[in-house]
């Protein structure tokens, strides 16, 4: 249940960012099963996969989507404790993203 609320929160923030700042230029719900939650598209056309989750969140989904969309990196928003980047995955705490 908390995961669904977190996804809705992030979707609201992404929509607000797109409407007010035009960043990202487009965003979508990912269509494939067992894929990431959102796909962001930059002005240059790059696709950035975004996974949102609560609790232990593996990196499998985000890694598959990075490969599938030939992205340089992906974003994992979860209840992690700090902002970090490892192997092309930017990890952002849900509480920090809420202040964007």
PDB file of N, CA and C in Angstrom:
ATOM      1  N   UNK A   1       0.819  -1.201   0.000  1.00  0.00           N
ATOM      2  CA  UNK A   1       0.000   0.000   0.000  1.00  0.00           C
ATOM      3  C   UNK A   1       0.862   1.264   0.000  1.00  0.00           C
ATOM      4  N   UNK A   2       1.919   1.292   0.786  1.00  0.00           N
ATOM      5  CA  UNK A   2       2.786   2.465   0.819  1.00  0.00           C
ATOM      6  C   UNK A   2       3.496   2.679  -0.515  1.00  0.00           C
ATOM      7  N   UNK A   3       3.818   1.575  -1.204  1.00  0.00           N
ATOM      8  CA  UNK A   3       4.466   1.684  -2.510  1.00  0.00           C
ATOM      9  C   UNK A   3       3.583   2.402  -3.519  1.00  0.00           C
ATOM     10  N   UNK A   4       2.294   2.107  -3.496  1.00  0.00           N
ATOM     11  CA  UNK A   4       1.350   2.758  -4.410  1.00  0.00           C
ATOM     12  C   UNK A   4       1.253   4.253  -4.101  1.00  0.00           C
ATOM     13  N   UNK A   5       1.225   4.586  -2.819  1.00  0.00           N
ATOM     14  CA  UNK A   5       1.183   6.001  -2.431  1.00  0.00           C
ATOM     15  C   UNK A   5       2.459   6.731  -2.863  1.00  0.00           C
ATOM     16  N   UNK A   6       3.596   6.064  -2.709  1.00  0.00           N
ATOM     17  CA  UNK A   6       4.870   6.663  -3.118  1.00  0.00           C
ATOM     18  C   UNK A   6       4.875   6.896  -4.635  1.00  0.00           C
ATOM     19  N   UNK A   7       4.400   5.933  -5.417  1.00  0.00           N
ATOM     20  CA  UNK A   7       4.343   6.084  -6.872  1.00  0.00           C
ATOM     21  C   UNK A   7       3.443   7.252  -7.261  1.00  0.00           C
ATOM     22  N   UNK A   8       2.296   7.386  -6.593  1.00  0.00           N
ATOM     23  CA  UNK A   8       1.388   8.494  -6.890  1.00  0.00           C
ATOM     24  C   UNK A   8       2.015   9.835  -6.525  1.00  0.00           C
ATOM     25  N   UNK A   9       2.743   9.886  -5.424  1.00  0.00           N
ATOM     26  CA  UNK A   9       3.434  11.108  -5.024  1.00  0.00           C
ATOM     27  C   UNK A   9       4.445  11.519  -6.090  1.00  0.00           C
ATOM     28  N   UNK A  10       5.251  10.569  -6.533  1.00  0.00           N
ATOM     29  CA  UNK A  10       6.268  10.856  -7.545  1.00  0.00           C
ATOM     30  C   UNK A  10       5.609  11.261  -8.862  1.00  0.00           C
ATOM     31  N   UNK A  11       4.541  10.588  -9.251  1.00  0.00           N
ATOM     32  CA  UNK A  11       3.835  10.953 -10.488  1.00  0.00           C
ATOM     33  C   UNK A  11       3.330  12.393 -10.401  1.00  0.00           C
ATOM     34  N   UNK A  12       2.811  12.791  -9.252  1.00  0.00           N
ATOM     35  CA  UNK A  12       2.333  14.163  -9.065  1.00  0.00           C
ATOM     36  C   UNK A  12       3.466  15.165  -9.201  1.00  0.00           C
ATOM     37  N   UNK A  13       4.604  14.866  -8.592  1.00  0.00           N
ATOM     38  CA  UNK A  13       5.749  15.761  -8.669  1.00  0.00           C
ATOM     39  C   UNK A  13       6.295  15.847 -10.095  1.00  0.00           C
ATOM     40  N   UNK A  14       6.377  14.717 -10.791  1.00  0.00           N
ATOM     41  CA  UNK A  14       6.863  14.725 -12.164  1.00  0.00           C
ATOM     42  C   UNK A  14       5.936  15.548 -13.059  1.00  0.00           C
ATOM     43  N   UNK A  15       4.634  15.381 -12.866  1.00  0.00           N
ATOM     44  CA  UNK A  15       3.662  16.147 -13.659  1.00  0.00           C
ATOM     45  C   UNK A  15       3.818  17.638 -13.382  1.00  0.00           C
ATOM     46  N   UNK A  16       3.960  18.001 -12.108  1.00  0.00           N
ATOM     47  CA  UNK A  16       4.123  19.407 -11.746  1.00  0.00           C
ATOM     48  C   UNK A  16       5.408  19.978 -12.347  1.00  0.00           C
ATOM     49  N   UNK A  17       6.499  19.206 -12.283  1.00  0.00           N
ATOM     50  CA  UNK A  17       7.767  19.660 -12.853  1.00  0.00           C
ATOM     51  C   UNK A  17       7.646  19.861 -14.364  1.00  0.00           C
ATOM     52  N   UNK A  18       6.955  18.958 -15.031  1.00  0.00           N
ATOM     53  CA  UNK A  18       6.789  19.073 -16.477  1.00  0.00           C
ATOM     54  C   UNK A  18       5.961  20.296 -16.823  1.00  0.00           C
ATOM     55  N   UNK A  19       4.894  20.532 -16.084  1.00  0.00           N
ATOM     56  CA  UNK A  19       3.998  21.645 -16.391  1.00  0.00           C
ATOM     57  C   UNK A  19       4.612  23.002 -16.047  1.00  0.00           C
ATOM     58  N   UNK A  20       5.411  23.083 -15.004  1.00  0.00           N
ATOM     59  CA  UNK A  20       5.959  24.376 -14.590  1.00  0.00           C
ATOM     60  C   UNK A  20       7.345  24.649 -15.152  1.00  0.00           C
ATOM     61  N   UNK A  21       8.182  23.620 -15.289  1.00  0.00           N
ATOM     62  CA  UNK A  21       9.564  23.809 -15.726  1.00  0.00           C
ATOM     63  C   UNK A  21       9.863  23.188 -17.088  1.00  0.00           C
ATOM     64  N   UNK A  22       8.923  22.385 -17.584  1.00  0.00           N
ATOM     65  CA  UNK A  22       9.107  21.594 -18.807  1.00  0.00           C
ATOM     66  C   UNK A  22      10.312  20.655 -18.689  1.00  0.00           C
ATOM     67  N   UNK A  23      10.536  20.171 -17.477  1.00  0.00           N
ATOM     68  CA  UNK A  23      11.580  19.172 -17.203  1.00  0.00           C
ATOM     69  C   UNK A  23      10.913  18.051 -16.423  1.00  0.00           C
ATOM     70  N   UNK A  24      10.855  16.861 -16.880  1.00  0.00           N
ATOM     71  CA  UNK A  24      11.295  16.358 -18.172  1.00  0.00           C
ATOM     72  C   UNK A  24      10.350  16.849 -19.272  1.00  0.00           C
ATOM     73  N   UNK A  25      10.786  16.725 -20.506  1.00  0.00           N
ATOM     74  CA  UNK A  25       9.919  17.181 -21.592  1.00  0.00           C
ATOM     75  C   UNK A  25       8.693  16.285 -21.742  1.00  0.00           C
ATOM     76  N   UNK A  26       8.854  15.003 -21.407  1.00  0.00           N
ATOM     77  CA  UNK A  26       7.721  14.059 -21.414  1.00  0.00           C
ATOM     78  C   UNK A  26       7.971  13.010 -20.353  1.00  0.00           C
ATOM     79  N   UNK A  27       6.913  12.450 -19.801  1.00  0.00           N
ATOM     80  CA  UNK A  27       7.074  11.290 -18.936  1.00  0.00           C
ATOM     81  C   UNK A  27       5.901  10.345 -19.138  1.00  0.00           C
ATOM     82  N   UNK A  28       6.202   9.056 -18.957  1.00  0.00           N
ATOM     83  CA  UNK A  28       5.244   7.995 -19.261  1.00  0.00           C
ATOM     84  C   UNK A  28       5.241   6.973 -18.135  1.00  0.00           C
ATOM     85  N   UNK A  29       4.141   6.254 -18.035  1.00  0.00           N
ATOM     86  CA  UNK A  29       4.144   5.031 -17.235  1.00  0.00           C
ATOM     87  C   UNK A  29       4.782   3.969 -18.120  1.00  0.00           C
ATOM     88  N   UNK A  30       5.662   3.180 -17.557  1.00  0.00           N
ATOM     89  CA  UNK A  30       6.319   2.134 -18.341  1.00  0.00           C
ATOM     90  C   UNK A  30       5.306   1.039 -18.666  1.00  0.00           C
ATOM     91  N   UNK A  31       5.225   0.623 -19.923  1.00  0.00           N
ATOM     92  CA  UNK A  31       4.188  -0.318 -20.333  1.00  0.00           C
ATOM     93  C   UNK A  31       4.473  -1.789 -20.023  1.00  0.00           C
ATOM     94  N   UNK A  32       5.739  -2.174 -19.896  1.00  0.00           N
ATOM     95  CA  UNK A  32       6.041  -3.593 -19.776  1.00  0.00           C
ATOM     96  C   UNK A  32       5.868  -4.099 -18.339  1.00  0.00           C
ATOM     97  N   UNK A  33       5.488  -5.375 -18.223  1.00  0.00           N
ATOM     98  CA  UNK A  33       5.379  -6.008 -16.912  1.00  0.00           C
ATOM     99  C   UNK A  33       6.772  -6.167 -16.329  1.00  0.00           C
ATOM    100  N   UNK A  34       6.854  -6.068 -15.025  1.00  0.00           N
ATOM    101  CA  UNK A  34       8.117  -6.197 -14.294  1.00  0.00           C
ATOM    102  C   UNK A  34       9.144  -5.167 -14.746  1.00  0.00           C
ATOM    103  N   UNK A  35       8.659  -4.050 -15.259  1.00  0.00           N
ATOM    104  CA  UNK A  35       9.543  -2.968 -15.657  1.00  0.00           C
ATOM    105  C   UNK A  35       9.552  -1.888 -14.589  1.00  0.00           C
ATOM    106  N   UNK A  36      10.120  -0.766 -14.912  1.00  0.00           N
ATOM    107  CA  UNK A  36      10.174   0.352 -13.988  1.00  0.00           C
ATOM    108  C   UNK A  36       8.818   1.060 -13.949  1.00  0.00           C
ATOM    109  N   UNK A  37       8.683   2.008 -13.032  1.00  0.00           N
ATOM    110  CA  UNK A  37       7.399   2.695 -12.870  1.00  0.00           C
ATOM    111  C   UNK A  37       7.183   3.805 -13.891  1.00  0.00           C
ATOM    112  N   UNK A  38       8.245   4.570 -14.190  1.00  0.00           N
ATOM    113  CA  UNK A  38       8.119   5.703 -15.100  1.00  0.00           C
ATOM    114  C   UNK A  38       9.292   5.748 -16.068  1.00  0.00           C
ATOM    115  N   UNK A  39       9.046   6.401 -17.204  1.00  0.00           N
ATOM    116  CA  UNK A  39      10.102   6.703 -18.165  1.00  0.00           C
ATOM    117  C   UNK A  39      10.060   8.208 -18.406  1.00  0.00           C
ATOM    118  N   UNK A  40      11.206   8.859 -18.232  1.00  0.00           N
ATOM    119  CA  UNK A  40      11.309  10.287 -18.481  1.00  0.00           C
ATOM    120  C   UNK A  40      12.017  10.478 -19.812  1.00  0.00           C
ATOM    121  N   UNK A  41      11.629  11.501 -20.537  1.00  0.00           N
ATOM    122  CA  UNK A  41      12.310  11.811 -21.788  1.00  0.00           C
ATOM    123  C   UNK A  41      12.875  13.216 -21.701  1.00  0.00           C
ATOM    124  N   UNK A  42      14.168  13.343 -21.977  1.00  0.00           N
ATOM    125  CA  UNK A  42      14.834  14.641 -21.942  1.00  0.00           C
ATOM    126  C   UNK A  42      14.598  15.377 -23.257  1.00  0.00           C
ATOM    127  N   UNK A  43      14.997  16.641 -23.291  1.00  0.00           N
ATOM    128  CA  UNK A  43      14.878  17.431 -24.515  1.00  0.00           C
ATOM    129  C   UNK A  43      15.683  16.850 -25.662  1.00  0.00           C
ATOM    130  N   UNK A  44      16.765  16.128 -25.338  1.00  0.00           N
ATOM    131  CA  UNK A  44      17.602  15.496 -26.360  1.00  0.00           C
ATOM    132  C   UNK A  44      17.058  14.141 -26.794  1.00  0.00           C
ATOM    133  N   UNK A  45      15.935  13.708 -26.195  1.00  0.00           N
ATOM    134  CA  UNK A  45      15.324  12.442 -26.576  1.00  0.00           C
ATOM    135  C   UNK A  45      15.776  11.242 -25.760  1.00  0.00           C
ATOM    136  N   UNK A  46      16.693  11.440 -24.816  1.00  0.00           N
ATOM    137  CA  UNK A  46      17.155  10.329 -23.978  1.00  0.00           C
ATOM    138  C   UNK A  46      16.027   9.874 -23.056  1.00  0.00           C
ATOM    139  N   UNK A  47      15.920   8.570 -22.887  1.00  0.00           N
ATOM    140  CA  UNK A  47      14.945   7.983 -21.972  1.00  0.00           C
ATOM    141  C   UNK A  47      15.657   7.649 -20.665  1.00  0.00           C
ATOM    142  N   UNK A  48      15.070   8.087 -19.552  1.00  0.00           N
ATOM    143  CA  UNK A  48      15.620   7.799 -18.229  1.00  0.00           C
ATOM    144  C   UNK A  48      14.584   6.992 -17.453  1.00  0.00           C
ATOM    145  N   UNK A  49      14.884   5.720 -17.140  1.00  0.00           N
ATOM    146  CA  UNK A  49      13.953   4.911 -16.364  1.00  0.00           C
ATOM    147  C   UNK A  49      13.965   5.326 -14.895  1.00  0.00           C
ATOM    148  N   UNK A  50      12.781   5.305 -14.277  1.00  0.00           N
ATOM    149  CA  UNK A  50      12.630   5.665 -12.865  1.00  0.00           C
ATOM    150  C   UNK A  50      11.848   4.564 -12.161  1.00  0.00           C
ATOM    151  N   UNK A  51      12.404   4.056 -11.087  1.00  0.00           N
ATOM    152  CA  UNK A  51      11.741   3.052 -10.253  1.00  0.00           C
ATOM    153  C   UNK A  51      11.480   3.679  -8.893  1.00  0.00           C
ATOM    154  N   UNK A  52      10.273   3.480  -8.370  1.00  0.00           N
ATOM    155  CA  UNK A  52       9.874   4.003  -7.071  1.00  0.00           C
ATOM    156  C   UNK A  52       9.523   2.823  -6.179  1.00  0.00           C
ATOM    157  N   UNK A  53       9.980   2.853  -4.936  1.00  0.00           N
ATOM    158  CA  UNK A  53       9.654   1.745  -4.056  1.00  0.00           C
ATOM    159  C   UNK A  53       9.869   2.049  -2.587  1.00  0.00           C
ATOM    160  N   UNK A  54       9.257   1.236  -1.786  1.00  0.00           N
ATOM    161  CA  UNK A  54       9.393   1.299  -0.336  1.00  0.00           C
ATOM    162  C   UNK A  54       9.941  -0.047   0.112  1.00  0.00           C
ATOM    163  N   UNK A  55      10.847  -0.024   1.085  1.00  0.00           N
ATOM    164  CA  UNK A  55      11.436  -1.267   1.582  1.00  0.00           C
ATOM    165  C   UNK A  55      12.630  -1.672   0.735  1.00  0.00           C
ATOM    166  N   UNK A  56      13.040  -2.915   0.880  1.00  0.00           N
ATOM    167  CA  UNK A  56      14.189  -3.412   0.113  1.00  0.00           C
ATOM    168  C   UNK A  56      13.841  -3.416  -1.363  1.00  0.00           C
ATOM    169  N   UNK A  57      14.564  -2.639  -2.108  1.00  0.00           N
ATOM    170  CA  UNK A  57      14.300  -2.535  -3.545  1.00  0.00           C
ATOM    171  C   UNK A  57      15.537  -2.979  -4.290  1.00  0.00           C
ATOM    172  N   UNK A  58      15.405  -4.018  -5.058  1.00  0.00           N
ATOM    173  CA  UNK A  58      16.521  -4.503  -5.853  1.00  0.00           C
ATOM    174  C   UNK A  58      16.768  -3.614  -7.057  1.00  0.00           C
ATOM    175  N   UNK A  59      17.899  -3.805  -7.686  1.00  0.00           N
ATOM    176  CA  UNK A  59      18.273  -2.984  -8.839  1.00  0.00           C
ATOM    177  C   UNK A  59      18.005  -3.688 -10.160  1.00  0.00           C
ATOM    178  N   UNK A  60      17.426  -4.878 -10.118  1.00  0.00           N
ATOM    179  CA  UNK A  60      17.201  -5.658 -11.334  1.00  0.00           C
ATOM    180  C   UNK A  60      16.332  -4.956 -12.354  1.00  0.00           C
ATOM    181  N   UNK A  61      15.196  -4.413 -11.912  1.00  0.00           N
ATOM    182  CA  UNK A  61      14.269  -3.753 -12.839  1.00  0.00           C
ATOM    183  C   UNK A  61      14.926  -2.545 -13.502  1.00  0.00           C
ATOM    184  N   UNK A  62      15.603  -1.750 -12.718  1.00  0.00           N
ATOM    185  CA  UNK A  62      16.204  -0.534 -13.261  1.00  0.00           C
ATOM    186  C   UNK A  62      17.344  -0.869 -14.212  1.00  0.00           C
ATOM    187  N   UNK A  63      18.137  -1.893 -13.888  1.00  0.00           N
ATOM    188  CA  UNK A  63      19.238  -2.302 -14.764  1.00  0.00           C
ATOM    189  C   UNK A  63      18.707  -2.800 -16.106  1.00  0.00           C
ATOM    190  N   UNK A  64      17.633  -3.597 -16.087  1.00  0.00           N
ATOM    191  CA  UNK A  64      17.036  -4.093 -17.326  1.00  0.00           C
ATOM    192  C   UNK A  64      16.517  -2.950 -18.188  1.00  0.00           C
ATOM    193  N   UNK A  65      15.902  -1.965 -17.543  1.00  0.00           N
ATOM    194  CA  UNK A  65      15.351  -0.837 -18.294  1.00  0.00           C
ATOM    195  C   UNK A  65      16.449   0.060 -18.849  1.00  0.00           C
ATOM    196  N   UNK A  66      17.531   0.236 -18.098  1.00  0.00           N
ATOM    197  CA  UNK A  66      18.664   1.012 -18.614  1.00  0.00           C
ATOM    198  C   UNK A  66      19.189   0.355 -19.891  1.00  0.00           C
ATOM    199  N   UNK A  67      19.321  -0.960 -19.859  1.00  0.00           N
ATOM    200  CA  UNK A  67      19.796  -1.687 -21.045  1.00  0.00           C
ATOM    201  C   UNK A  67      18.767  -1.622 -22.176  1.00  0.00           C
ATOM    202  N   UNK A  68      17.505  -1.818 -21.848  1.00  0.00           N
ATOM    203  CA  UNK A  68      16.453  -1.843 -22.873  1.00  0.00           C
ATOM    204  C   UNK A  68      16.347  -0.523 -23.624  1.00  0.00           C
ATOM    205  N   UNK A  69      16.453   0.592 -22.899  1.00  0.00           N
ATOM    206  CA  UNK A  69      16.290   1.912 -23.511  1.00  0.00           C
ATOM    207  C   UNK A  69      17.627   2.586 -23.837  1.00  0.00           C
ATOM    208  N   UNK A  70      18.719   1.838 -23.684  1.00  0.00           N
ATOM    209  CA  UNK A  70      20.064   2.335 -23.998  1.00  0.00           C
ATOM    210  C   UNK A  70      20.347   3.661 -23.278  1.00  0.00           C
ATOM    211  N   UNK A  71      19.949   3.709 -22.006  1.00  0.00           N
ATOM    212  CA  UNK A  71      20.126   4.907 -21.189  1.00  0.00           C
ATOM    213  C   UNK A  71      21.503   4.936 -20.548  1.00  0.00           C
ATOM    214  N   UNK A  72      21.979   6.123 -20.282  1.00  0.00           N
ATOM    215  CA  UNK A  72      23.251   6.259 -19.575  1.00  0.00           C
ATOM    216  C   UNK A  72      23.077   6.001 -18.082  1.00  0.00           C
ATOM    217  N   UNK A  73      21.886   6.275 -17.575  1.00  0.00           N
ATOM    218  CA  UNK A  73      21.630   6.077 -16.154  1.00  0.00           C
ATOM    219  C   UNK A  73      20.127   5.930 -15.912  1.00  0.00           C
ATOM    220  N   UNK A  74      19.796   5.539 -14.691  1.00  0.00           N
ATOM    221  CA  UNK A  74      18.416   5.430 -14.253  1.00  0.00           C
ATOM    222  C   UNK A  74      18.300   6.014 -12.863  1.00  0.00           C
ATOM    223  N   UNK A  75      17.074   6.148 -12.376  1.00  0.00           N
ATOM    224  CA  UNK A  75      16.827   6.744 -11.067  1.00  0.00           C
ATOM    225  C   UNK A  75      16.013   5.775 -10.226  1.00  0.00           C
ATOM    226  N   UNK A  76      16.466   5.563  -8.998  1.00  0.00           N
ATOM    227  CA  UNK A  76      15.759   4.734  -8.023  1.00  0.00           C
ATOM    228  C   UNK A  76      15.376   5.634  -6.860  1.00  0.00           C
ATOM    229  N   UNK A  77      14.069   5.833  -6.669  1.00  0.00           N
ATOM    230  CA  UNK A  77      13.563   6.656  -5.577  1.00  0.00           C
ATOM    231  C   UNK A  77      12.949   5.702  -4.568  1.00  0.00           C
ATOM    232  N   UNK A  78      13.519   5.670  -3.367  1.00  0.00           N
ATOM    233  CA  UNK A  78      13.045   4.727  -2.357  1.00  0.00           C
ATOM    234  C   UNK A  78      13.328   5.282  -0.965  1.00  0.00           C
ATOM    235  N   UNK A  79      13.132   4.456   0.031  1.00  0.00           N
ATOM    236  CA  UNK A  79      13.379   4.893   1.399  1.00  0.00           C
ATOM    237  C   UNK A  79      14.832   4.667   1.817  1.00  0.00           C
ATOM    238  N   UNK A  80      15.732   4.810   0.849  1.00  0.00           N
ATOM    239  CA  UNK A  80      17.153   4.771   1.138  1.00  0.00           C
ATOM    240  C   UNK A  80      17.506   5.967   2.018  1.00  0.00           C
ATOM    241  N   UNK A  81      18.669   5.931   2.654  1.00  0.00           N
ATOM    242  CA  UNK A  81      19.006   6.984   3.604  1.00  0.00           C
ATOM    243  C   UNK A  81      19.780   8.148   3.003  1.00  0.00           C
ATOM    244  N   UNK A  82      20.433   7.952   1.870  1.00  0.00           N
ATOM    245  CA  UNK A  82      21.238   9.033   1.306  1.00  0.00           C
ATOM    246  C   UNK A  82      21.215   9.019  -0.211  1.00  0.00           C
ATOM    247  N   UNK A  83      21.521  10.164  -0.787  1.00  0.00           N
ATOM    248  CA  UNK A  83      21.636  10.274  -2.240  1.00  0.00           C
ATOM    249  C   UNK A  83      22.967   9.654  -2.648  1.00  0.00           C
ATOM    250  N   UNK A  84      22.933   8.788  -3.639  1.00  0.00           N
ATOM    251  CA  UNK A  84      24.167   8.146  -4.097  1.00  0.00           C
ATOM    252  C   UNK A  84      24.034   7.783  -5.568  1.00  0.00           C
ATOM    253  N   UNK A  85      25.163   7.445  -6.162  1.00  0.00           N
ATOM    254  CA  UNK A  85      25.171   6.962  -7.537  1.00  0.00           C
ATOM    255  C   UNK A  85      26.151   5.816  -7.629  1.00  0.00           C
ATOM    256  N   UNK A  86      25.675   4.706  -8.153  1.00  0.00           N
ATOM    257  CA  UNK A  86      26.542   3.556  -8.355  1.00  0.00           C
ATOM    258  C   UNK A  86      26.127   2.826  -9.617  1.00  0.00           C
ATOM    259  N   UNK A  87      27.114   2.569 -10.441  1.00  0.00           N
ATOM    260  CA  UNK A  87      26.900   1.825 -11.686  1.00  0.00           C
ATOM    261  C   UNK A  87      25.750   2.379 -12.525  1.00  0.00           C
ATOM    262  N   UNK A  88      25.678   3.708 -12.642  1.00  0.00           N
ATOM    263  CA  UNK A  88      24.669   4.329 -13.487  1.00  0.00           C
ATOM    264  C   UNK A  88      23.291   4.451 -12.873  1.00  0.00           C
ATOM    265  N   UNK A  89      23.158   4.131 -11.591  1.00  0.00           N
ATOM    266  CA  UNK A  89      21.868   4.236 -10.923  1.00  0.00           C
ATOM    267  C   UNK A  89      21.958   5.336  -9.864  1.00  0.00           C
ATOM    268  N   UNK A  90      21.146   6.367 -10.031  1.00  0.00           N
ATOM    269  CA  UNK A  90      21.078   7.455  -9.057  1.00  0.00           C
ATOM    270  C   UNK A  90      20.017   7.078  -8.034  1.00  0.00           C
ATOM    271  N   UNK A  91      20.417   6.937  -6.780  1.00  0.00           N
ATOM    272  CA  UNK A  91      19.498   6.587  -5.697  1.00  0.00           C
ATOM    273  C   UNK A  91      19.139   7.848  -4.931  1.00  0.00           C
ATOM    274  N   UNK A  92      17.850   8.125  -4.819  1.00  0.00           N
ATOM    275  CA  UNK A  92      17.375   9.321  -4.147  1.00  0.00           C
ATOM    276  C   UNK A  92      16.365   8.899  -3.072  1.00  0.00           C
ATOM    277  N   UNK A  93      16.558   9.381  -1.828  1.00  0.00           N
ATOM    278  CA  UNK A  93      15.554   9.101  -0.799  1.00  0.00           C
ATOM    279  C   UNK A  93      14.218   9.749  -1.161  1.00  0.00           C
ATOM    280  N   UNK A  94      13.147   9.055  -0.893  1.00  0.00           N
ATOM    281  CA  UNK A  94      11.812   9.560  -1.171  1.00  0.00           C
ATOM    282  C   UNK A  94      11.573  10.898  -0.478  1.00  0.00           C
ATOM    283  N   UNK A  95      12.057  11.035   0.739  1.00  0.00           N
ATOM    284  CA  UNK A  95      11.853  12.281   1.478  1.00  0.00           C
ATOM    285  C   UNK A  95      12.587  13.446   0.815  1.00  0.00           C
ATOM    286  N   UNK A  96      13.759  13.208   0.241  1.00  0.00           N
ATOM    287  CA  UNK A  96      14.478  14.270  -0.460  1.00  0.00           C
ATOM    288  C   UNK A  96      13.767  14.651  -1.753  1.00  0.00           C
ATOM    289  N   UNK A  97      13.289  13.662  -2.485  1.00  0.00           N
ATOM    290  CA  UNK A  97      12.612  13.950  -3.757  1.00  0.00           C
ATOM    291  C   UNK A  97      11.359  14.782  -3.513  1.00  0.00           C
ATOM    292  N   UNK A  98      10.714  14.589  -2.380  1.00  0.00           N
ATOM    293  CA  UNK A  98       9.498  15.319  -2.061  1.00  0.00           C
ATOM    294  C   UNK A  98       9.740  16.822  -1.942  1.00  0.00           C
ATOM    295  N   UNK A  99      11.002  17.231  -1.753  1.00  0.00           N
ATOM    296  CA  UNK A  99      11.317  18.652  -1.639  1.00  0.00           C
ATOM    297  C   UNK A  99      11.825  19.252  -2.932  1.00  0.00           C
ATOM    298  N   UNK A 100      11.797  18.512  -4.017  1.00  0.00           N
ATOM    299  CA  UNK A 100      12.262  19.029  -5.307  1.00  0.00           C
ATOM    300  C   UNK A 100      11.285  20.068  -5.810  1.00  0.00           C
TER     301      UNK A 100
END
